[in-house]
Amino acid sequence: MTTPSSLGAVMDLLGPPAPQHGGTADAWREIESDLGFALPDDYKTIVDAYAPVCLYEHLYLHHPATEHWNLRRWMSETITAWSAVEWEEEIDGDPREVLGATDLRFGTPDGLTPLVESNRGETIFFARDKAGVPVIFAENGQVEFSCQAVPFSEWLRQYLNGENAVGPGSGIFYPGPVKFRSLPQTPQDTESVWFGPDRGM
């Protein structure tokens, strides 16, 4: 029996994709041109399939080709905000140790790039460690970082399953199917709520 990939597992958990937006390929190229490197394929697949959306009323996925909840704009604003932080010499789970860097950078090939955020203050970043291995950093809103050498899709699977994806004791499990809430694209849009497949829990 073949073990499903992290991407396949999390998309089974989420269920059928939402209606697609146009211009996605060009929008991704613009974001990656800004950054100077490619974002993870599994992250782009998940965003293309479901965003812009709020999962469980707290985890937000922006989309690269929409006017509102636009990923490129959110990413740029988030990189600017994090870059303005004056970092202490020591922080919990200091990313500089994993990255092999003396300075903490954001939105650069040798730094942290924001992927998603929550209204609990969490920010999730993509990076590469000093050996070039892709890693996911999760910041819990209290300047405490945790790091996993897993794809974004595996991190999201853990998060949705109530595992400690944002550090020790961070997991919150919501029984039943994953809850989605659409994010309005215009002032006239109304939000809609739907649910993923039954998880039998």
N, C-alpha and C. Protein backbone atom coordinates (compact mmCIF):
# COMPACT_ATOMS: atom_id res chain seq x y z
N MET A 1 0.85 -1.20 0.00
CA MET A 1 0.00 0.00 0.00
C MET A 1 0.88 1.24 0.00
N THR A 2 0.62 2.15 -0.89
CA THR A 2 1.42 3.36 -1.01
C THR A 2 0.90 4.42 -0.04
N THR A 3 1.83 5.03 0.71
CA THR A 3 1.46 6.12 1.61
C THR A 3 1.19 7.37 0.79
N PRO A 4 0.04 8.03 0.94
CA PRO A 4 -0.25 9.23 0.14
C PRO A 4 0.70 10.36 0.48
N SER A 5 0.97 11.20 -0.50
CA SER A 5 1.82 12.35 -0.26
C SER A 5 1.13 13.31 0.70
N SER A 6 1.93 14.20 1.27
CA SER A 6 1.35 15.22 2.16
C SER A 6 0.33 16.06 1.42
N LEU A 7 0.62 16.41 0.17
CA LEU A 7 -0.32 17.22 -0.60
C LEU A 7 -1.61 16.45 -0.82
N GLY A 8 -1.51 15.21 -1.23
CA GLY A 8 -2.72 14.42 -1.44
C GLY A 8 -3.51 14.24 -0.16
N ALA A 9 -2.80 14.04 0.96
CA ALA A 9 -3.48 13.83 2.24
C ALA A 9 -4.24 15.07 2.67
N VAL A 10 -3.63 16.24 2.53
CA VAL A 10 -4.30 17.45 3.00
C VAL A 10 -5.43 17.84 2.06
N MET A 11 -5.29 17.56 0.77
CA MET A 11 -6.39 17.89 -0.15
C MET A 11 -7.55 16.91 0.03
N ASP A 12 -7.26 15.68 0.42
CA ASP A 12 -8.34 14.76 0.78
C ASP A 12 -9.08 15.29 2.01
N LEU A 13 -8.34 15.87 2.93
CA LEU A 13 -8.93 16.43 4.15
C LEU A 13 -9.79 17.65 3.83
N LEU A 14 -9.34 18.48 2.87
CA LEU A 14 -10.04 19.72 2.53
C LEU A 14 -11.22 19.49 1.58
N GLY A 15 -11.09 18.52 0.69
CA GLY A 15 -12.19 18.23 -0.21
C GLY A 15 -12.06 18.92 -1.56
N PRO A 16 -13.14 18.92 -2.35
CA PRO A 16 -13.09 19.48 -3.71
C PRO A 16 -12.65 20.94 -3.72
N PRO A 17 -11.85 21.33 -4.72
CA PRO A 17 -11.41 22.72 -4.82
C PRO A 17 -12.56 23.68 -5.03
N ALA A 18 -12.33 24.94 -4.65
CA ALA A 18 -13.28 26.01 -4.89
C ALA A 18 -13.20 26.44 -6.36
N PRO A 19 -14.16 27.25 -6.86
CA PRO A 19 -14.07 27.76 -8.23
C PRO A 19 -12.76 28.49 -8.47
N GLN A 20 -12.18 28.30 -9.65
CA GLN A 20 -10.86 28.85 -9.94
C GLN A 20 -10.92 30.32 -10.37
N HIS A 21 -9.85 31.04 -10.03
CA HIS A 21 -9.68 32.42 -10.48
C HIS A 21 -8.79 32.43 -11.72
N GLY A 22 -8.97 33.42 -12.59
CA GLY A 22 -8.13 33.53 -13.77
C GLY A 22 -6.80 34.22 -13.47
N GLY A 23 -5.86 34.10 -14.41
CA GLY A 23 -4.59 34.83 -14.32
C GLY A 23 -3.65 34.36 -13.24
N THR A 24 -3.83 33.14 -12.74
CA THR A 24 -3.04 32.69 -11.60
C THR A 24 -1.57 32.53 -11.97
N ALA A 25 -1.26 31.93 -13.12
CA ALA A 25 0.14 31.69 -13.50
C ALA A 25 0.91 32.99 -13.58
N ASP A 26 0.35 34.01 -14.21
CA ASP A 26 1.02 35.31 -14.30
C ASP A 26 1.20 35.92 -12.92
N ALA A 27 0.20 35.77 -12.06
CA ALA A 27 0.27 36.35 -10.72
C ALA A 27 1.38 35.69 -9.90
N TRP A 28 1.52 34.37 -10.01
CA TRP A 28 2.61 33.69 -9.31
C TRP A 28 3.97 34.15 -9.83
N ARG A 29 4.07 34.32 -11.14
CA ARG A 29 5.34 34.79 -11.71
C ARG A 29 5.72 36.16 -11.16
N GLU A 30 4.74 37.03 -10.99
CA GLU A 30 5.01 38.36 -10.45
C GLU A 30 5.51 38.28 -9.01
N ILE A 31 4.86 37.45 -8.20
CA ILE A 31 5.29 37.30 -6.81
C ILE A 31 6.70 36.73 -6.74
N GLU A 32 6.96 35.69 -7.52
CA GLU A 32 8.27 35.05 -7.48
C GLU A 32 9.36 35.94 -8.07
N SER A 33 8.97 36.82 -9.01
CA SER A 33 9.92 37.81 -9.52
C SER A 33 10.28 38.82 -8.43
N ASP A 34 9.27 39.24 -7.64
CA ASP A 34 9.53 40.13 -6.51
C ASP A 34 10.52 39.50 -5.53
N LEU A 35 10.29 38.22 -5.23
CA LEU A 35 11.08 37.53 -4.22
C LEU A 35 12.46 37.12 -4.72
N GLY A 36 12.53 36.77 -6.00
CA GLY A 36 13.80 36.28 -6.56
C GLY A 36 13.97 34.78 -6.41
N PHE A 37 12.90 34.07 -6.10
CA PHE A 37 12.97 32.61 -6.00
C PHE A 37 11.56 32.04 -6.09
N ALA A 38 11.47 30.73 -6.33
CA ALA A 38 10.18 30.06 -6.48
C ALA A 38 9.62 29.66 -5.13
N LEU A 39 8.34 29.82 -4.98
CA LEU A 39 7.64 29.34 -3.78
C LEU A 39 7.34 27.84 -3.94
N PRO A 40 7.09 27.15 -2.84
CA PRO A 40 6.85 25.70 -2.92
C PRO A 40 5.64 25.35 -3.79
N ASP A 41 5.79 24.32 -4.61
CA ASP A 41 4.72 23.92 -5.51
C ASP A 41 3.47 23.50 -4.75
N ASP A 42 3.64 22.79 -3.63
CA ASP A 42 2.45 22.32 -2.91
C ASP A 42 1.67 23.50 -2.31
N TYR A 43 2.39 24.52 -1.87
CA TYR A 43 1.74 25.73 -1.36
C TYR A 43 0.92 26.39 -2.47
N LYS A 44 1.50 26.53 -3.65
CA LYS A 44 0.79 27.16 -4.76
C LYS A 44 -0.42 26.34 -5.18
N THR A 45 -0.30 25.04 -5.14
CA THR A 45 -1.43 24.18 -5.50
C THR A 45 -2.59 24.36 -4.54
N ILE A 46 -2.29 24.41 -3.24
CA ILE A 46 -3.34 24.57 -2.23
C ILE A 46 -3.99 25.95 -2.35
N VAL A 47 -3.19 26.99 -2.51
CA VAL A 47 -3.73 28.34 -2.65
C VAL A 47 -4.60 28.43 -3.91
N ASP A 48 -4.11 27.90 -5.02
CA ASP A 48 -4.90 27.93 -6.25
C ASP A 48 -6.23 27.20 -6.09
N ALA A 49 -6.22 26.14 -5.31
CA ALA A 49 -7.42 25.31 -5.18
C ALA A 49 -8.48 25.90 -4.27
N TYR A 50 -8.07 26.65 -3.22
CA TYR A 50 -9.04 27.03 -2.19
C TYR A 50 -9.09 28.53 -1.86
N ALA A 51 -8.03 29.26 -2.04
CA ALA A 51 -7.98 30.66 -1.59
C ALA A 51 -8.74 31.58 -2.56
N PRO A 52 -9.13 32.76 -2.06
CA PRO A 52 -8.96 33.28 -0.69
C PRO A 52 -10.03 32.72 0.25
N VAL A 53 -9.58 32.24 1.39
CA VAL A 53 -10.49 31.55 2.29
C VAL A 53 -9.96 31.62 3.71
N CYS A 54 -10.88 31.49 4.65
CA CYS A 54 -10.54 31.38 6.06
C CYS A 54 -10.92 29.97 6.52
N LEU A 55 -9.98 29.25 7.11
CA LEU A 55 -10.22 27.91 7.60
C LEU A 55 -10.44 27.95 9.11
N TYR A 56 -11.51 27.30 9.55
CA TYR A 56 -11.83 27.24 10.99
C TYR A 56 -11.92 28.63 11.65
N GLU A 57 -12.27 29.64 10.88
CA GLU A 57 -12.46 31.00 11.40
C GLU A 57 -11.17 31.65 11.90
N HIS A 58 -10.00 31.07 11.57
CA HIS A 58 -8.80 31.75 12.03
C HIS A 58 -7.59 31.66 11.11
N LEU A 59 -7.49 30.70 10.21
CA LEU A 59 -6.32 30.60 9.34
C LEU A 59 -6.67 31.15 7.96
N TYR A 60 -5.92 32.16 7.53
CA TYR A 60 -6.23 32.88 6.29
C TYR A 60 -5.27 32.51 5.17
N LEU A 61 -5.83 32.15 4.03
CA LEU A 61 -5.06 31.91 2.81
C LEU A 61 -5.43 32.99 1.80
N HIS A 62 -4.46 33.82 1.43
CA HIS A 62 -4.66 34.85 0.41
C HIS A 62 -4.45 34.24 -0.97
N HIS A 63 -4.89 34.96 -2.00
CA HIS A 63 -4.78 34.46 -3.38
C HIS A 63 -4.00 35.47 -4.23
N PRO A 64 -3.16 34.99 -5.16
CA PRO A 64 -2.33 35.93 -5.94
C PRO A 64 -3.06 36.70 -7.02
N ALA A 65 -4.25 36.25 -7.42
CA ALA A 65 -4.91 36.87 -8.58
C ALA A 65 -6.23 37.54 -8.24
N THR A 66 -6.44 37.91 -6.98
CA THR A 66 -7.67 38.60 -6.59
C THR A 66 -7.33 40.00 -6.10
N GLU A 67 -8.29 40.91 -6.23
CA GLU A 67 -8.04 42.29 -5.79
C GLU A 67 -8.02 42.38 -4.27
N HIS A 68 -9.03 41.80 -3.65
CA HIS A 68 -9.08 41.77 -2.19
C HIS A 68 -8.46 40.47 -1.71
N TRP A 69 -7.90 40.49 -0.50
CA TRP A 69 -7.18 39.34 0.03
C TRP A 69 -6.09 38.89 -0.95
N ASN A 70 -5.40 39.89 -1.49
CA ASN A 70 -4.38 39.63 -2.51
C ASN A 70 -3.08 39.18 -1.86
N LEU A 71 -2.57 38.06 -2.31
CA LEU A 71 -1.36 37.47 -1.70
C LEU A 71 -0.13 38.34 -1.89
N ARG A 72 0.06 38.88 -3.10
CA ARG A 72 1.25 39.68 -3.35
C ARG A 72 1.29 40.90 -2.44
N ARG A 73 0.16 41.57 -2.29
CA ARG A 73 0.11 42.76 -1.44
C ARG A 73 0.31 42.38 0.03
N TRP A 74 -0.40 41.33 0.48
CA TRP A 74 -0.24 40.90 1.88
C TRP A 74 1.19 40.47 2.18
N MET A 75 1.78 39.73 1.25
CA MET A 75 3.14 39.26 1.46
C MET A 75 4.11 40.43 1.56
N SER A 76 3.96 41.42 0.67
CA SER A 76 4.83 42.59 0.69
C SER A 76 4.68 43.37 2.00
N GLU A 77 3.44 43.59 2.42
CA GLU A 77 3.19 44.32 3.67
C GLU A 77 3.74 43.56 4.88
N THR A 78 3.59 42.26 4.86
CA THR A 78 4.06 41.44 5.98
C THR A 78 5.57 41.40 6.03
N ILE A 79 6.21 41.29 4.88
CA ILE A 79 7.68 41.32 4.82
C ILE A 79 8.19 42.66 5.35
N THR A 80 7.55 43.76 4.95
CA THR A 80 7.96 45.09 5.41
C THR A 80 7.83 45.20 6.93
N ALA A 81 6.70 44.71 7.45
CA ALA A 81 6.46 44.81 8.90
C ALA A 81 7.48 43.99 9.68
N TRP A 82 7.73 42.76 9.26
CA TRP A 82 8.68 41.93 9.99
C TRP A 82 10.11 42.43 9.83
N SER A 83 10.42 43.03 8.70
CA SER A 83 11.77 43.56 8.48
C SER A 83 12.06 44.75 9.37
N ALA A 84 11.02 45.42 9.84
CA ALA A 84 11.20 46.60 10.69
C ALA A 84 11.43 46.24 12.16
N VAL A 85 11.26 44.97 12.51
CA VAL A 85 11.44 44.55 13.90
C VAL A 85 12.92 44.59 14.28
N GLU A 86 13.21 45.12 15.46
CA GLU A 86 14.58 45.09 15.98
C GLU A 86 14.72 43.83 16.82
N TRP A 87 15.53 42.91 16.36
CA TRP A 87 15.62 41.60 16.97
C TRP A 87 16.62 41.57 18.12
N GLU A 88 16.24 40.86 19.17
CA GLU A 88 17.13 40.66 20.30
C GLU A 88 18.25 39.70 19.89
N GLU A 89 19.31 39.67 20.69
CA GLU A 89 20.40 38.74 20.40
C GLU A 89 19.93 37.29 20.50
N GLU A 90 18.98 37.02 21.40
CA GLU A 90 18.46 35.67 21.55
C GLU A 90 16.94 35.70 21.53
N ILE A 91 16.34 34.84 20.72
CA ILE A 91 14.89 34.66 20.71
C ILE A 91 14.61 33.17 20.72
N ASP A 92 13.46 32.78 21.21
CA ASP A 92 13.11 31.36 21.29
C ASP A 92 13.01 30.77 19.89
N GLY A 93 13.74 29.67 19.67
CA GLY A 93 13.72 29.01 18.37
C GLY A 93 14.33 29.86 17.27
N ASP A 94 15.35 30.62 17.62
CA ASP A 94 15.96 31.61 16.71
C ASP A 94 16.20 31.04 15.31
N PRO A 95 15.51 31.56 14.29
CA PRO A 95 15.71 31.06 12.93
C PRO A 95 17.14 31.22 12.42
N ARG A 96 17.88 32.21 12.97
CA ARG A 96 19.24 32.44 12.47
C ARG A 96 20.14 31.23 12.65
N GLU A 97 19.87 30.44 13.69
CA GLU A 97 20.68 29.24 13.90
C GLU A 97 20.45 28.22 12.80
N VAL A 98 19.20 28.04 12.41
CA VAL A 98 18.86 27.07 11.36
C VAL A 98 19.32 27.58 10.00
N LEU A 99 19.17 28.88 9.77
CA LEU A 99 19.52 29.46 8.48
C LEU A 99 21.01 29.68 8.31
N GLY A 100 21.76 29.64 9.41
CA GLY A 100 23.19 29.93 9.35
C GLY A 100 23.45 31.37 9.02
N ALA A 101 22.61 32.27 9.56
CA ALA A 101 22.70 33.70 9.24
C ALA A 101 22.96 34.50 10.51
N THR A 102 23.59 35.66 10.33
CA THR A 102 23.82 36.56 11.46
C THR A 102 22.68 37.56 11.58
N ASP A 103 21.98 37.83 10.47
CA ASP A 103 20.84 38.75 10.48
C ASP A 103 19.58 37.98 10.09
N LEU A 104 18.45 38.44 10.60
CA LEU A 104 17.16 37.84 10.26
C LEU A 104 16.53 38.65 9.15
N ARG A 105 16.41 38.04 7.98
CA ARG A 105 15.87 38.71 6.81
C ARG A 105 14.52 38.09 6.43
N PHE A 106 13.74 38.88 5.70
CA PHE A 106 12.41 38.44 5.30
C PHE A 106 12.20 38.70 3.81
N GLY A 107 11.60 37.71 3.13
CA GLY A 107 11.32 37.86 1.71
C GLY A 107 12.54 37.80 0.84
N THR A 108 13.58 37.11 1.30
CA THR A 108 14.82 36.95 0.54
C THR A 108 15.15 35.46 0.44
N PRO A 109 15.99 35.06 -0.52
CA PRO A 109 16.32 33.64 -0.64
C PRO A 109 16.95 33.05 0.61
N ASP A 110 17.63 33.87 1.42
CA ASP A 110 18.28 33.37 2.64
C ASP A 110 17.51 33.75 3.90
N GLY A 111 16.24 34.14 3.73
CA GLY A 111 15.45 34.58 4.88
C GLY A 111 14.13 33.85 4.99
N LEU A 112 13.20 34.46 5.70
CA LEU A 112 11.87 33.89 5.94
C LEU A 112 10.84 34.59 5.05
N THR A 113 10.00 33.81 4.41
CA THR A 113 8.97 34.37 3.54
C THR A 113 7.60 33.96 4.05
N PRO A 114 6.72 34.91 4.37
CA PRO A 114 5.41 34.58 4.93
C PRO A 114 4.52 33.87 3.91
N LEU A 115 3.82 32.84 4.39
CA LEU A 115 2.91 32.08 3.53
C LEU A 115 1.45 32.24 3.95
N VAL A 116 1.17 32.12 5.25
CA VAL A 116 -0.19 32.26 5.76
C VAL A 116 -0.13 32.90 7.14
N GLU A 117 -1.30 33.37 7.60
CA GLU A 117 -1.39 33.98 8.93
C GLU A 117 -2.70 33.55 9.57
N SER A 118 -2.77 33.74 10.88
CA SER A 118 -4.03 33.46 11.58
C SER A 118 -4.41 34.66 12.43
N ASN A 119 -5.69 34.70 12.83
CA ASN A 119 -6.11 35.79 13.72
C ASN A 119 -5.76 35.49 15.17
N ARG A 120 -5.00 34.41 15.40
CA ARG A 120 -4.45 34.13 16.71
C ARG A 120 -3.03 34.69 16.84
N GLY A 121 -2.59 35.44 15.81
CA GLY A 121 -1.27 36.05 15.84
C GLY A 121 -0.18 35.21 15.23
N GLU A 122 -0.52 34.05 14.70
CA GLU A 122 0.47 33.14 14.13
C GLU A 122 0.83 33.57 12.70
N THR A 123 2.10 33.45 12.37
CA THR A 123 2.56 33.65 10.99
C THR A 123 3.43 32.46 10.61
N ILE A 124 3.18 31.92 9.42
CA ILE A 124 3.90 30.75 8.95
C ILE A 124 4.80 31.17 7.79
N PHE A 125 6.07 30.76 7.85
CA PHE A 125 7.07 31.19 6.89
C PHE A 125 7.71 29.99 6.18
N PHE A 126 8.12 30.24 4.93
CA PHE A 126 8.95 29.30 4.18
C PHE A 126 10.39 29.79 4.24
N ALA A 127 11.33 28.85 4.32
CA ALA A 127 12.75 29.21 4.30
C ALA A 127 13.54 28.00 3.83
N ARG A 128 14.83 28.19 3.67
CA ARG A 128 15.76 27.09 3.42
C ARG A 128 16.86 27.16 4.46
N ASP A 129 17.19 25.99 5.04
CA ASP A 129 18.23 26.00 6.07
C ASP A 129 19.60 26.17 5.44
N LYS A 130 20.64 26.17 6.26
CA LYS A 130 21.98 26.45 5.75
C LYS A 130 22.49 25.39 4.78
N ALA A 131 21.83 24.21 4.76
CA ALA A 131 22.17 23.18 3.79
C ALA A 131 21.29 23.25 2.54
N GLY A 132 20.36 24.22 2.51
CA GLY A 132 19.48 24.39 1.36
C GLY A 132 18.21 23.57 1.42
N VAL A 133 17.95 22.92 2.56
CA VAL A 133 16.75 22.09 2.71
C VAL A 133 15.55 22.98 3.02
N PRO A 134 14.42 22.82 2.29
CA PRO A 134 13.23 23.62 2.59
C PRO A 134 12.70 23.32 3.99
N VAL A 135 12.33 24.37 4.72
CA VAL A 135 11.78 24.22 6.06
C VAL A 135 10.59 25.17 6.22
N ILE A 136 9.75 24.86 7.19
CA ILE A 136 8.63 25.73 7.56
C ILE A 136 8.87 26.24 8.97
N PHE A 137 8.86 27.56 9.14
CA PHE A 137 8.93 28.18 10.45
C PHE A 137 7.54 28.67 10.83
N ALA A 138 7.15 28.40 12.06
CA ALA A 138 5.89 28.89 12.59
C ALA A 138 6.18 29.81 13.76
N GLU A 139 5.63 31.04 13.71
CA GLU A 139 5.80 32.00 14.81
C GLU A 139 4.44 32.13 15.48
N ASN A 140 4.42 32.00 16.81
CA ASN A 140 3.15 31.86 17.53
C ASN A 140 2.53 33.17 18.00
N GLY A 141 3.06 34.30 17.56
CA GLY A 141 2.51 35.59 17.98
C GLY A 141 3.18 36.14 19.22
N GLN A 142 4.12 35.38 19.78
CA GLN A 142 4.84 35.83 20.98
C GLN A 142 6.35 35.81 20.74
N VAL A 143 6.74 35.97 19.46
CA VAL A 143 8.14 35.96 19.03
C VAL A 143 8.82 34.67 19.49
N GLU A 144 8.12 33.57 19.31
CA GLU A 144 8.66 32.24 19.56
C GLU A 144 8.49 31.43 18.29
N PHE A 145 9.59 30.94 17.75
CA PHE A 145 9.58 30.22 16.48
C PHE A 145 9.75 28.73 16.70
N SER A 146 9.10 27.94 15.86
CA SER A 146 9.37 26.51 15.78
C SER A 146 9.64 26.19 14.32
N CYS A 147 10.45 25.16 14.09
CA CYS A 147 10.88 24.84 12.73
C CYS A 147 10.68 23.36 12.45
N GLN A 148 10.19 23.06 11.25
CA GLN A 148 10.06 21.68 10.80
C GLN A 148 10.57 21.58 9.37
N ALA A 149 11.33 20.52 9.09
CA ALA A 149 11.79 20.26 7.73
C ALA A 149 10.73 19.42 7.02
N VAL A 150 9.57 20.05 6.78
CA VAL A 150 8.44 19.38 6.12
C VAL A 150 7.90 20.30 5.03
N PRO A 151 7.20 19.73 4.04
CA PRO A 151 6.53 20.58 3.05
C PRO A 151 5.40 21.38 3.71
N PHE A 152 4.99 22.47 3.06
CA PHE A 152 3.87 23.26 3.58
C PHE A 152 2.63 22.40 3.74
N SER A 153 2.38 21.50 2.79
CA SER A 153 1.18 20.67 2.85
C SER A 153 1.17 19.79 4.09
N GLU A 154 2.34 19.29 4.50
CA GLU A 154 2.40 18.48 5.72
C GLU A 154 2.17 19.36 6.95
N TRP A 155 2.74 20.57 6.93
CA TRP A 155 2.49 21.49 8.05
C TRP A 155 0.99 21.76 8.17
N LEU A 156 0.32 22.03 7.04
CA LEU A 156 -1.11 22.34 7.07
C LEU A 156 -1.92 21.13 7.54
N ARG A 157 -1.53 19.94 7.11
CA ARG A 157 -2.23 18.73 7.58
C ARG A 157 -2.14 18.63 9.10
N GLN A 158 -0.95 18.87 9.64
CA GLN A 158 -0.78 18.82 11.10
C GLN A 158 -1.65 19.87 11.79
N TYR A 159 -1.65 21.08 11.24
CA TYR A 159 -2.41 22.18 11.83
C TYR A 159 -3.90 21.84 11.88
N LEU A 160 -4.42 21.35 10.77
CA LEU A 160 -5.85 21.04 10.69
C LEU A 160 -6.23 19.85 11.55
N ASN A 161 -5.28 18.96 11.80
CA ASN A 161 -5.54 17.79 12.63
C ASN A 161 -5.28 18.05 14.12
N GLY A 162 -5.01 19.30 14.47
CA GLY A 162 -4.84 19.64 15.88
C GLY A 162 -3.51 19.23 16.46
N GLU A 163 -2.51 18.98 15.61
CA GLU A 163 -1.18 18.67 16.10
C GLU A 163 -0.45 19.97 16.45
N ASN A 164 0.70 19.84 17.11
CA ASN A 164 1.43 21.03 17.58
C ASN A 164 2.26 21.64 16.44
N ALA A 165 1.58 22.20 15.46
CA ALA A 165 2.24 22.72 14.25
C ALA A 165 2.83 24.11 14.46
N VAL A 166 2.49 24.76 15.58
CA VAL A 166 3.03 26.11 15.84
C VAL A 166 3.76 26.11 17.19
N GLY A 167 4.38 24.99 17.50
CA GLY A 167 5.15 24.89 18.73
C GLY A 167 4.45 24.02 19.77
N PRO A 168 5.14 23.68 20.85
CA PRO A 168 4.58 22.81 21.89
C PRO A 168 3.28 23.36 22.47
N GLY A 169 2.30 22.49 22.58
CA GLY A 169 1.02 22.88 23.17
C GLY A 169 0.14 23.76 22.31
N SER A 170 0.48 23.90 21.03
CA SER A 170 -0.27 24.82 20.17
C SER A 170 -1.47 24.19 19.48
N GLY A 171 -1.53 22.87 19.45
CA GLY A 171 -2.56 22.20 18.68
C GLY A 171 -3.96 22.38 19.24
N ILE A 172 -4.91 22.68 18.37
CA ILE A 172 -6.33 22.76 18.73
C ILE A 172 -7.09 21.92 17.71
N PHE A 173 -7.72 20.86 18.17
CA PHE A 173 -8.44 19.99 17.24
C PHE A 173 -9.92 20.32 17.24
N TYR A 174 -10.47 20.53 16.05
CA TYR A 174 -11.90 20.78 15.87
C TYR A 174 -12.50 19.52 15.24
N PRO A 175 -13.36 18.81 15.95
CA PRO A 175 -13.94 17.58 15.41
C PRO A 175 -14.78 17.85 14.16
N GLY A 176 -14.94 16.83 13.35
CA GLY A 176 -15.76 16.95 12.17
C GLY A 176 -15.01 17.50 10.98
N PRO A 177 -15.72 17.79 9.90
CA PRO A 177 -15.07 18.28 8.68
C PRO A 177 -14.47 19.68 8.85
N VAL A 178 -13.50 19.98 8.00
CA VAL A 178 -12.87 21.31 8.00
C VAL A 178 -13.91 22.35 7.57
N LYS A 179 -13.96 23.46 8.31
CA LYS A 179 -14.89 24.54 7.99
C LYS A 179 -14.20 25.59 7.14
N PHE A 180 -14.84 25.99 6.05
CA PHE A 180 -14.35 27.04 5.15
C PHE A 180 -15.28 28.26 5.25
N ARG A 181 -14.70 29.44 5.14
CA ARG A 181 -15.49 30.66 4.98
C ARG A 181 -14.86 31.47 3.86
N SER A 182 -15.63 31.77 2.84
CA SER A 182 -15.11 32.54 1.71
C SER A 182 -14.78 33.95 2.16
N LEU A 183 -13.81 34.55 1.51
CA LEU A 183 -13.41 35.93 1.80
C LEU A 183 -13.88 36.82 0.65
N PRO A 184 -14.69 37.84 0.92
CA PRO A 184 -15.34 38.62 -0.14
C PRO A 184 -14.33 39.35 -1.03
N GLN A 185 -14.66 39.37 -2.32
CA GLN A 185 -13.79 40.01 -3.30
C GLN A 185 -14.21 41.45 -3.62
N THR A 186 -15.46 41.79 -3.34
CA THR A 186 -15.96 43.15 -3.55
C THR A 186 -16.86 43.50 -2.37
N PRO A 187 -17.15 44.79 -2.17
CA PRO A 187 -18.07 45.18 -1.08
C PRO A 187 -19.45 44.55 -1.23
N GLN A 188 -19.82 44.14 -2.45
CA GLN A 188 -21.14 43.56 -2.67
C GLN A 188 -21.17 42.05 -2.41
N ASP A 189 -20.02 41.44 -2.31
CA ASP A 189 -19.97 39.99 -2.11
C ASP A 189 -20.51 39.60 -0.74
N THR A 190 -21.17 38.48 -0.70
CA THR A 190 -21.58 37.92 0.59
C THR A 190 -20.72 36.69 0.87
N GLU A 191 -20.42 36.50 2.14
CA GLU A 191 -19.60 35.37 2.53
C GLU A 191 -20.42 34.08 2.45
N SER A 192 -19.75 33.00 2.15
CA SER A 192 -20.40 31.69 2.18
C SER A 192 -19.57 30.75 3.05
N VAL A 193 -20.25 29.81 3.64
CA VAL A 193 -19.60 28.83 4.51
C VAL A 193 -19.88 27.44 3.95
N TRP A 194 -18.85 26.60 3.93
CA TRP A 194 -19.04 25.21 3.53
C TRP A 194 -18.06 24.34 4.32
N PHE A 195 -18.20 23.06 4.14
CA PHE A 195 -17.41 22.11 4.92
C PHE A 195 -16.76 21.07 4.00
N GLY A 196 -15.60 20.63 4.43
CA GLY A 196 -14.91 19.57 3.72
C GLY A 196 -15.56 18.21 4.00
N PRO A 197 -14.93 17.14 3.53
CA PRO A 197 -15.50 15.80 3.73
C PRO A 197 -15.55 15.41 5.21
N ASP A 198 -16.46 14.53 5.51
CA ASP A 198 -16.59 14.01 6.87
C ASP A 198 -15.32 13.24 7.23
N ARG A 199 -14.77 13.54 8.39
CA ARG A 199 -13.56 12.85 8.83
C ARG A 199 -13.87 11.70 9.77
N GLY A 200 -15.15 11.50 10.09
CA GLY A 200 -15.52 10.41 10.97
C GLY A 200 -15.04 10.60 12.38
N MET A 201 -14.89 11.89 12.80
CA MET A 201 -14.42 12.18 14.16
C MET A 201 -15.43 13.05 14.88
